[in-house]
Amino acid sequence: MAKPISFERTDEMLGDYPINVVLLAKDLDSAKDFYANKVGLEILQDNPNVVTFRCGGNELAISKSTVSTADEQTQAGWRVDDLD
């Protein structure tokens, strides 16, 4: 018999872990300038297809898009020790 799903809060919630957010930009150089020089975020990685910034304990990646910056393309991922 399958174990019932529990919705009780445990000690291991995603809100306790850093998150990486990926946004798209058609003009990566303008986006890099905005986040680095206007917002003041530190650049962690800079290459022709993506620029990654430190944002507190999290990371913001701006990825070059040749198609669009539609909301359907926004991504987020959590950095966790395991998936159990």
PDB file of N, CA and C in Angstrom:
ATOM      1  N   MET A   1       0.847  -1.189   0.000  1.00  0.00           N
ATOM      2  CA  MET A   1       0.000   0.000   0.000  1.00  0.00           C
ATOM      3  C   MET A   1       0.888   1.248   0.000  1.00  0.00           C
ATOM      4  N   ALA A   2       0.529   2.241  -0.779  1.00  0.00           N
ATOM      5  CA  ALA A   2       1.314   3.470  -0.895  1.00  0.00           C
ATOM      6  C   ALA A   2       1.248   4.277   0.391  1.00  0.00           C
ATOM      7  N   LYS A   3       2.372   4.905   0.704  1.00  0.00           N
ATOM      8  CA  LYS A   3       2.445   5.777   1.876  1.00  0.00           C
ATOM      9  C   LYS A   3       1.654   7.051   1.597  1.00  0.00           C
ATOM     10  N   PRO A   4       0.781   7.483   2.535  1.00  0.00           N
ATOM     11  CA  PRO A   4       0.003   8.710   2.312  1.00  0.00           C
ATOM     12  C   PRO A   4       0.920   9.933   2.220  1.00  0.00           C
ATOM     13  N   ILE A   5       0.523  10.882   1.403  1.00  0.00           N
ATOM     14  CA  ILE A   5       1.289  12.117   1.254  1.00  0.00           C
ATOM     15  C   ILE A   5       1.047  12.993   2.472  1.00  0.00           C
ATOM     16  N   SER A   6       2.140  13.503   3.041  1.00  0.00           N
ATOM     17  CA  SER A   6       2.045  14.386   4.199  1.00  0.00           C
ATOM     18  C   SER A   6       2.322  15.816   3.760  1.00  0.00           C
ATOM     19  N   PHE A   7       1.494  16.741   4.209  1.00  0.00           N
ATOM     20  CA  PHE A   7       1.696  18.148   3.898  1.00  0.00           C
ATOM     21  C   PHE A   7       2.196  18.921   5.113  1.00  0.00           C
ATOM     22  N   GLU A   8       2.672  18.199   6.131  1.00  0.00           N
ATOM     23  CA  GLU A   8       3.202  18.850   7.318  1.00  0.00           C
ATOM     24  C   GLU A   8       4.566  19.441   7.005  1.00  0.00           C
ATOM     25  N   ARG A   9       4.859  20.577   7.606  1.00  0.00           N
ATOM     26  CA  ARG A   9       6.160  21.224   7.413  1.00  0.00           C
ATOM     27  C   ARG A   9       7.244  20.407   8.098  1.00  0.00           C
ATOM     28  N   THR A  10       8.351  20.229   7.386  1.00  0.00           N
ATOM     29  CA  THR A  10       9.508  19.550   7.960  1.00  0.00           C
ATOM     30  C   THR A  10      10.637  20.557   8.082  1.00  0.00           C
ATOM     31  N   ASP A  11      11.758  20.122   8.619  1.00  0.00           N
ATOM     32  CA  ASP A  11      12.911  21.004   8.768  1.00  0.00           C
ATOM     33  C   ASP A  11      13.550  21.360   7.426  1.00  0.00           C
ATOM     34  N   GLU A  12      13.322  20.547   6.413  1.00  0.00           N
ATOM     35  CA  GLU A  12      13.951  20.744   5.114  1.00  0.00           C
ATOM     36  C   GLU A  12      12.956  21.327   4.113  1.00  0.00           C
ATOM     37  N   MET A  13      12.870  22.630   4.047  1.00  0.00           N
ATOM     38  CA  MET A  13      11.981  23.297   3.096  1.00  0.00           C
ATOM     39  C   MET A  13      12.835  24.057   2.082  1.00  0.00           C
ATOM     40  N   LEU A  14      12.347  24.209   0.879  1.00  0.00           N
ATOM     41  CA  LEU A  14      13.105  24.910  -0.152  1.00  0.00           C
ATOM     42  C   LEU A  14      13.384  26.358   0.217  1.00  0.00           C
ATOM     43  N   GLY A  15      12.543  26.954   1.037  1.00  0.00           N
ATOM     44  CA  GLY A  15      12.765  28.327   1.463  1.00  0.00           C
ATOM     45  C   GLY A  15      14.029  28.517   2.276  1.00  0.00           C
ATOM     46  N   ASP A  16      14.616  27.415   2.746  1.00  0.00           N
ATOM     47  CA  ASP A  16      15.848  27.472   3.521  1.00  0.00           C
ATOM     48  C   ASP A  16      17.095  27.381   2.645  1.00  0.00           C
ATOM     49  N   TYR A  17      16.932  27.239   1.331  1.00  0.00           N
ATOM     50  CA  TYR A  17      18.060  27.033   0.429  1.00  0.00           C
ATOM     51  C   TYR A  17      18.179  28.177  -0.566  1.00  0.00           C
ATOM     52  N   PRO A  18      19.416  28.435  -1.034  1.00  0.00           N
ATOM     53  CA  PRO A  18      19.604  29.471  -2.054  1.00  0.00           C
ATOM     54  C   PRO A  18      18.888  29.104  -3.349  1.00  0.00           C
ATOM     55  N   ILE A  19      18.500  30.114  -4.091  1.00  0.00           N
ATOM     56  CA  ILE A  19      17.811  29.905  -5.363  1.00  0.00           C
ATOM     57  C   ILE A  19      18.608  30.572  -6.486  1.00  0.00           C
ATOM     58  N   ASN A  20      18.621  29.925  -7.623  1.00  0.00           N
ATOM     59  CA  ASN A  20      19.211  30.500  -8.836  1.00  0.00           C
ATOM     60  C   ASN A  20      18.071  30.833  -9.789  1.00  0.00           C
ATOM     61  N   VAL A  21      18.051  32.054 -10.258  1.00  0.00           N
ATOM     62  CA  VAL A  21      17.016  32.502 -11.189  1.00  0.00           C
ATOM     63  C   VAL A  21      17.673  32.785 -12.536  1.00  0.00           C
ATOM     64  N   VAL A  22      17.026  32.353 -13.615  1.00  0.00           N
ATOM     65  CA  VAL A  22      17.526  32.598 -14.966  1.00  0.00           C
ATOM     66  C   VAL A  22      16.504  33.455 -15.712  1.00  0.00           C
ATOM     67  N   LEU A  23      16.942  34.613 -16.178  1.00  0.00           N
ATOM     68  CA  LEU A  23      16.116  35.495 -16.995  1.00  0.00           C
ATOM     69  C   LEU A  23      16.737  35.597 -18.380  1.00  0.00           C
ATOM     70  N   LEU A  24      15.933  35.916 -19.364  1.00  0.00           N
ATOM     71  CA  LEU A  24      16.414  36.059 -20.738  1.00  0.00           C
ATOM     72  C   LEU A  24      16.537  37.528 -21.119  1.00  0.00           C
ATOM     73  N   ALA A  25      17.499  37.809 -21.981  1.00  0.00           N
ATOM     74  CA  ALA A  25      17.676  39.164 -22.508  1.00  0.00           C
ATOM     75  C   ALA A  25      18.116  39.066 -23.961  1.00  0.00           C
ATOM     76  N   LYS A  26      17.482  39.835 -24.824  1.00  0.00           N
ATOM     77  CA  LYS A  26      17.919  39.888 -26.223  1.00  0.00           C
ATOM     78  C   LYS A  26      19.243  40.635 -26.346  1.00  0.00           C
ATOM     79  N   ASP A  27      19.426  41.663 -25.515  1.00  0.00           N
ATOM     80  CA  ASP A  27      20.662  42.452 -25.523  1.00  0.00           C
ATOM     81  C   ASP A  27      21.407  42.173 -24.219  1.00  0.00           C
ATOM     82  N   LEU A  28      22.302  41.194 -24.259  1.00  0.00           N
ATOM     83  CA  LEU A  28      23.002  40.765 -23.048  1.00  0.00           C
ATOM     84  C   LEU A  28      23.918  41.856 -22.506  1.00  0.00           C
ATOM     85  N   ASP A  29      24.547  42.632 -23.380  1.00  0.00           N
ATOM     86  CA  ASP A  29      25.434  43.707 -22.922  1.00  0.00           C
ATOM     87  C   ASP A  29      24.670  44.774 -22.141  1.00  0.00           C
ATOM     88  N   SER A  30      23.483  45.140 -22.609  1.00  0.00           N
ATOM     89  CA  SER A  30      22.664  46.125 -21.886  1.00  0.00           C
ATOM     90  C   SER A  30      22.203  45.576 -20.545  1.00  0.00           C
ATOM     91  N   ALA A  31      21.806  44.307 -20.527  1.00  0.00           N
ATOM     92  CA  ALA A  31      21.374  43.684 -19.273  1.00  0.00           C
ATOM     93  C   ALA A  31      22.534  43.609 -18.289  1.00  0.00           C
ATOM     94  N   LYS A  32      23.711  43.249 -18.777  1.00  0.00           N
ATOM     95  CA  LYS A  32      24.907  43.186 -17.928  1.00  0.00           C
ATOM     96  C   LYS A  32      25.203  44.559 -17.335  1.00  0.00           C
ATOM     97  N   ASP A  33      25.154  45.594 -18.168  1.00  0.00           N
ATOM     98  CA  ASP A  33      25.393  46.956 -17.698  1.00  0.00           C
ATOM     99  C   ASP A  33      24.376  47.355 -16.636  1.00  0.00           C
ATOM    100  N   PHE A  34      23.110  47.040 -16.862  1.00  0.00           N
ATOM    101  CA  PHE A  34      22.062  47.402 -15.911  1.00  0.00           C
ATOM    102  C   PHE A  34      22.290  46.738 -14.553  1.00  0.00           C
ATOM    103  N   TYR A  35      22.442  45.412 -14.541  1.00  0.00           N
ATOM    104  CA  TYR A  35      22.554  44.701 -13.266  1.00  0.00           C
ATOM    105  C   TYR A  35      23.883  44.974 -12.557  1.00  0.00           C
ATOM    106  N   ALA A  36      24.961  45.178 -13.312  1.00  0.00           N
ATOM    107  CA  ALA A  36      26.260  45.438 -12.689  1.00  0.00           C
ATOM    108  C   ALA A  36      26.403  46.895 -12.253  1.00  0.00           C
ATOM    109  N   ASN A  37      26.050  47.823 -13.130  1.00  0.00           N
ATOM    110  CA  ASN A  37      26.341  49.234 -12.866  1.00  0.00           C
ATOM    111  C   ASN A  37      25.189  50.037 -12.288  1.00  0.00           C
ATOM    112  N   LYS A  38      23.967  49.637 -12.542  1.00  0.00           N
ATOM    113  CA  LYS A  38      22.816  50.360 -11.983  1.00  0.00           C
ATOM    114  C   LYS A  38      22.329  49.711 -10.685  1.00  0.00           C
ATOM    115  N   VAL A  39      22.192  48.385 -10.710  1.00  0.00           N
ATOM    116  CA  VAL A  39      21.720  47.659  -9.522  1.00  0.00           C
ATOM    117  C   VAL A  39      22.879  47.389  -8.564  1.00  0.00           C
ATOM    118  N   GLY A  40      24.097  47.256  -9.094  1.00  0.00           N
ATOM    119  CA  GLY A  40      25.276  47.057  -8.257  1.00  0.00           C
ATOM    120  C   GLY A  40      25.574  45.613  -7.890  1.00  0.00           C
ATOM    121  N   LEU A  41      25.115  44.657  -8.705  1.00  0.00           N
ATOM    122  CA  LEU A  41      25.383  43.250  -8.418  1.00  0.00           C
ATOM    123  C   LEU A  41      26.782  42.864  -8.896  1.00  0.00           C
ATOM    124  N   GLU A  42      27.426  41.972  -8.125  1.00  0.00           N
ATOM    125  CA  GLU A  42      28.757  41.470  -8.466  1.00  0.00           C
ATOM    126  C   GLU A  42      28.655  40.399  -9.557  1.00  0.00           C
ATOM    127  N   ILE A  43      29.491  40.500 -10.577  1.00  0.00           N
ATOM    128  CA  ILE A  43      29.524  39.498 -11.645  1.00  0.00           C
ATOM    129  C   ILE A  43      30.335  38.294 -11.178  1.00  0.00           C
ATOM    130  N   LEU A  44      29.724  37.112 -11.247  1.00  0.00           N
ATOM    131  CA  LEU A  44      30.402  35.865 -10.903  1.00  0.00           C
ATOM    132  C   LEU A  44      30.943  35.163 -12.140  1.00  0.00           C
ATOM    133  N   GLN A  45      30.205  35.236 -13.232  1.00  0.00           N
ATOM    134  CA  GLN A  45      30.579  34.572 -14.480  1.00  0.00           C
ATOM    135  C   GLN A  45      30.154  35.471 -15.630  1.00  0.00           C
ATOM    136  N   ASP A  46      31.012  35.582 -16.621  1.00  0.00           N
ATOM    137  CA  ASP A  46      30.707  36.437 -17.769  1.00  0.00           C
ATOM    138  C   ASP A  46      31.227  35.757 -19.032  1.00  0.00           C
ATOM    139  N   ASN A  47      30.319  35.317 -19.882  1.00  0.00           N
ATOM    140  CA  ASN A  47      30.719  34.764 -21.171  1.00  0.00           C
ATOM    141  C   ASN A  47      29.719  35.234 -22.224  1.00  0.00           C
ATOM    142  N   PRO A  48      29.932  34.939 -23.493  1.00  0.00           N
ATOM    143  CA  PRO A  48      29.064  35.484 -24.549  1.00  0.00           C
ATOM    144  C   PRO A  48      27.591  35.082 -24.470  1.00  0.00           C
ATOM    145  N   ASN A  49      27.268  34.018 -23.730  1.00  0.00           N
ATOM    146  CA  ASN A  49      25.877  33.547 -23.695  1.00  0.00           C
ATOM    147  C   ASN A  49      25.164  33.749 -22.371  1.00  0.00           C
ATOM    148  N   VAL A  50      25.899  33.995 -21.305  1.00  0.00           N
ATOM    149  CA  VAL A  50      25.259  34.163 -19.992  1.00  0.00           C
ATOM    150  C   VAL A  50      26.162  34.989 -19.078  1.00  0.00           C
ATOM    151  N   VAL A  51      25.526  35.822 -18.274  1.00  0.00           N
ATOM    152  CA  VAL A  51      26.218  36.566 -17.225  1.00  0.00           C
ATOM    153  C   VAL A  51      25.526  36.200 -15.919  1.00  0.00           C
ATOM    154  N   THR A  52      26.320  35.769 -14.944  1.00  0.00           N
ATOM    155  CA  THR A  52      25.769  35.371 -13.648  1.00  0.00           C
ATOM    156  C   THR A  52      26.226  36.358 -12.585  1.00  0.00           C
ATOM    157  N   PHE A  53      25.279  36.791 -11.753  1.00  0.00           N
ATOM    158  CA  PHE A  53      25.539  37.776 -10.708  1.00  0.00           C
ATOM    159  C   PHE A  53      25.290  37.167  -9.336  1.00  0.00           C
ATOM    160  N   ARG A  54      26.041  37.648  -8.336  1.00  0.00           N
ATOM    161  CA  ARG A  54      25.750  37.303  -6.943  1.00  0.00           C
ATOM    162  C   ARG A  54      24.659  38.253  -6.469  1.00  0.00           C
ATOM    163  N   CYS A  55      23.670  37.697  -5.804  1.00  0.00           N
ATOM    164  CA  CYS A  55      22.555  38.496  -5.298  1.00  0.00           C
ATOM    165  C   CYS A  55      22.233  37.975  -3.904  1.00  0.00           C
ATOM    166  N   GLY A  56      22.906  38.519  -2.887  1.00  0.00           N
ATOM    167  CA  GLY A  56      22.784  37.948  -1.546  1.00  0.00           C
ATOM    168  C   GLY A  56      23.407  36.567  -1.569  1.00  0.00           C
ATOM    169  N   GLY A  57      22.723  35.579  -1.031  1.00  0.00           N
ATOM    170  CA  GLY A  57      23.191  34.200  -1.087  1.00  0.00           C
ATOM    171  C   GLY A  57      22.698  33.479  -2.323  1.00  0.00           C
ATOM    172  N   ASN A  58      22.123  34.217  -3.245  1.00  0.00           N
ATOM    173  CA  ASN A  58      21.525  33.624  -4.440  1.00  0.00           C
ATOM    174  C   ASN A  58      22.284  34.053  -5.685  1.00  0.00           C
ATOM    175  N   GLU A  59      21.898  33.488  -6.823  1.00  0.00           N
ATOM    176  CA  GLU A  59      22.507  33.863  -8.088  1.00  0.00           C
ATOM    177  C   GLU A  59      21.425  34.236  -9.096  1.00  0.00           C
ATOM    178  N   LEU A  60      21.726  35.252  -9.878  1.00  0.00           N
ATOM    179  CA  LEU A  60      20.862  35.687 -10.965  1.00  0.00           C
ATOM    180  C   LEU A  60      21.640  35.511 -12.261  1.00  0.00           C
ATOM    181  N   ALA A  61      21.136  34.680 -13.152  1.00  0.00           N
ATOM    182  CA  ALA A  61      21.782  34.468 -14.450  1.00  0.00           C
ATOM    183  C   ALA A  61      20.938  35.131 -15.530  1.00  0.00           C
ATOM    184  N   ILE A  62      21.591  35.918 -16.362  1.00  0.00           N
ATOM    185  CA  ILE A  62      20.935  36.530 -17.513  1.00  0.00           C
ATOM    186  C   ILE A  62      21.483  35.814 -18.741  1.00  0.00           C
ATOM    187  N   SER A  63      20.606  35.139 -19.447  1.00  0.00           N
ATOM    188  CA  SER A  63      20.996  34.326 -20.591  1.00  0.00           C
ATOM    189  C   SER A  63      20.593  35.014 -21.889  1.00  0.00           C
ATOM    190  N   LYS A  64      21.480  34.980 -22.871  1.00  0.00           N
ATOM    191  CA  LYS A  64      21.188  35.599 -24.165  1.00  0.00           C
ATOM    192  C   LYS A  64      20.092  34.819 -24.881  1.00  0.00           C
ATOM    193  N   SER A  65      19.103  35.549 -25.389  1.00  0.00           N
ATOM    194  CA  SER A  65      18.000  34.944 -26.126  1.00  0.00           C
ATOM    195  C   SER A  65      17.955  35.527 -27.527  1.00  0.00           C
ATOM    196  N   THR A  66      17.789  34.664 -28.506  1.00  0.00           N
ATOM    197  CA  THR A  66      17.617  35.139 -29.877  1.00  0.00           C
ATOM    198  C   THR A  66      16.153  35.111 -30.280  1.00  0.00           C
ATOM    199  N   VAL A  67      15.301  34.595 -29.384  1.00  0.00           N
ATOM    200  CA  VAL A  67      13.887  34.420 -29.701  1.00  0.00           C
ATOM    201  C   VAL A  67      13.034  35.482 -29.027  1.00  0.00           C
ATOM    202  N   SER A  68      13.034  35.477 -27.704  1.00  0.00           N
ATOM    203  CA  SER A  68      12.193  36.419 -26.966  1.00  0.00           C
ATOM    204  C   SER A  68      12.610  36.447 -25.515  1.00  0.00           C
ATOM    205  N   THR A  69      11.884  37.230 -24.747  1.00  0.00           N
ATOM    206  CA  THR A  69      12.061  37.251 -23.296  1.00  0.00           C
ATOM    207  C   THR A  69      10.739  36.909 -22.633  1.00  0.00           C
ATOM    208  N   ALA A  70       9.970  36.053 -23.266  1.00  0.00           N
ATOM    209  CA  ALA A  70       8.630  35.695 -22.782  1.00  0.00           C
ATOM    210  C   ALA A  70       8.683  35.082 -21.390  1.00  0.00           C
ATOM    211  N   ASP A  71       7.629  35.312 -20.618  1.00  0.00           N
ATOM    212  CA  ASP A  71       7.547  34.787 -19.260  1.00  0.00           C
ATOM    213  C   ASP A  71       7.672  33.273 -19.202  1.00  0.00           C
ATOM    214  N   GLU A  72       7.296  32.573 -20.276  1.00  0.00           N
ATOM    215  CA  GLU A  72       7.369  31.113 -20.266  1.00  0.00           C
ATOM    216  C   GLU A  72       8.805  30.612 -20.200  1.00  0.00           C
ATOM    217  N   GLN A  73       9.768  31.470 -20.460  1.00  0.00           N
ATOM    218  CA  GLN A  73      11.169  31.055 -20.502  1.00  0.00           C
ATOM    219  C   GLN A  73      11.915  31.299 -19.197  1.00  0.00           C
ATOM    220  N   THR A  74      11.318  31.968 -18.234  1.00  0.00           N
ATOM    221  CA  THR A  74      11.969  32.231 -16.958  1.00  0.00           C
ATOM    222  C   THR A  74      12.131  30.928 -16.193  1.00  0.00           C
ATOM    223  N   GLN A  75      13.286  30.755 -15.549  1.00  0.00           N
ATOM    224  CA  GLN A  75      13.572  29.519 -14.822  1.00  0.00           C
ATOM    225  C   GLN A  75      14.081  29.839 -13.429  1.00  0.00           C
ATOM    226  N   ALA A  76      13.906  28.877 -12.522  1.00  0.00           N
ATOM    227  CA  ALA A  76      14.473  28.973 -11.179  1.00  0.00           C
ATOM    228  C   ALA A  76      14.877  27.580 -10.734  1.00  0.00           C
ATOM    229  N   GLY A  77      15.939  27.499  -9.960  1.00  0.00           N
ATOM    230  CA  GLY A  77      16.382  26.216  -9.422  1.00  0.00           C
ATOM    231  C   GLY A  77      16.990  26.414  -8.048  1.00  0.00           C
ATOM    232  N   TRP A  78      16.756  25.482  -7.157  1.00  0.00           N
ATOM    233  CA  TRP A  78      17.286  25.555  -5.806  1.00  0.00           C
ATOM    234  C   TRP A  78      18.561  24.741  -5.690  1.00  0.00           C
ATOM    235  N   ARG A  79      19.514  25.225  -4.890  1.00  0.00           N
ATOM    236  CA  ARG A  79      20.739  24.472  -4.598  1.00  0.00           C
ATOM    237  C   ARG A  79      20.520  23.728  -3.285  1.00  0.00           C
ATOM    238  N   VAL A  80      20.370  22.413  -3.374  1.00  0.00           N
ATOM    239  CA  VAL A  80      20.126  21.579  -2.194  1.00  0.00           C
ATOM    240  C   VAL A  80      21.194  20.498  -2.108  1.00  0.00           C
ATOM    241  N   ASP A  81      21.341  19.919  -0.909  1.00  0.00           N
ATOM    242  CA  ASP A  81      22.329  18.867  -0.692  1.00  0.00           C
ATOM    243  C   ASP A  81      21.906  17.550  -1.313  1.00  0.00           C
ATOM    244  N   ASP A  82      20.607  17.237  -1.269  1.00  0.00           N
ATOM    245  CA  ASP A  82      20.106  15.989  -1.843  1.00  0.00           C
ATOM    246  C   ASP A  82      18.644  16.164  -2.227  1.00  0.00           C
ATOM    247  N   LEU A  83      18.090  15.169  -2.876  1.00  0.00           N
ATOM    248  CA  LEU A  83      16.704  15.252  -3.342  1.00  0.00           C
ATOM    249  C   LEU A  83      15.757  14.367  -2.558  1.00  0.00           C
ATOM    250  N   ASP A  84      16.207  13.750  -1.491  1.00  0.00           N
ATOM    251  CA  ASP A  84      15.341  12.871  -0.689  1.00  0.00           C
ATOM    252  C   ASP A  84      14.476  13.657   0.260  1.00  0.00           C
TER     253      ASP A  84
END
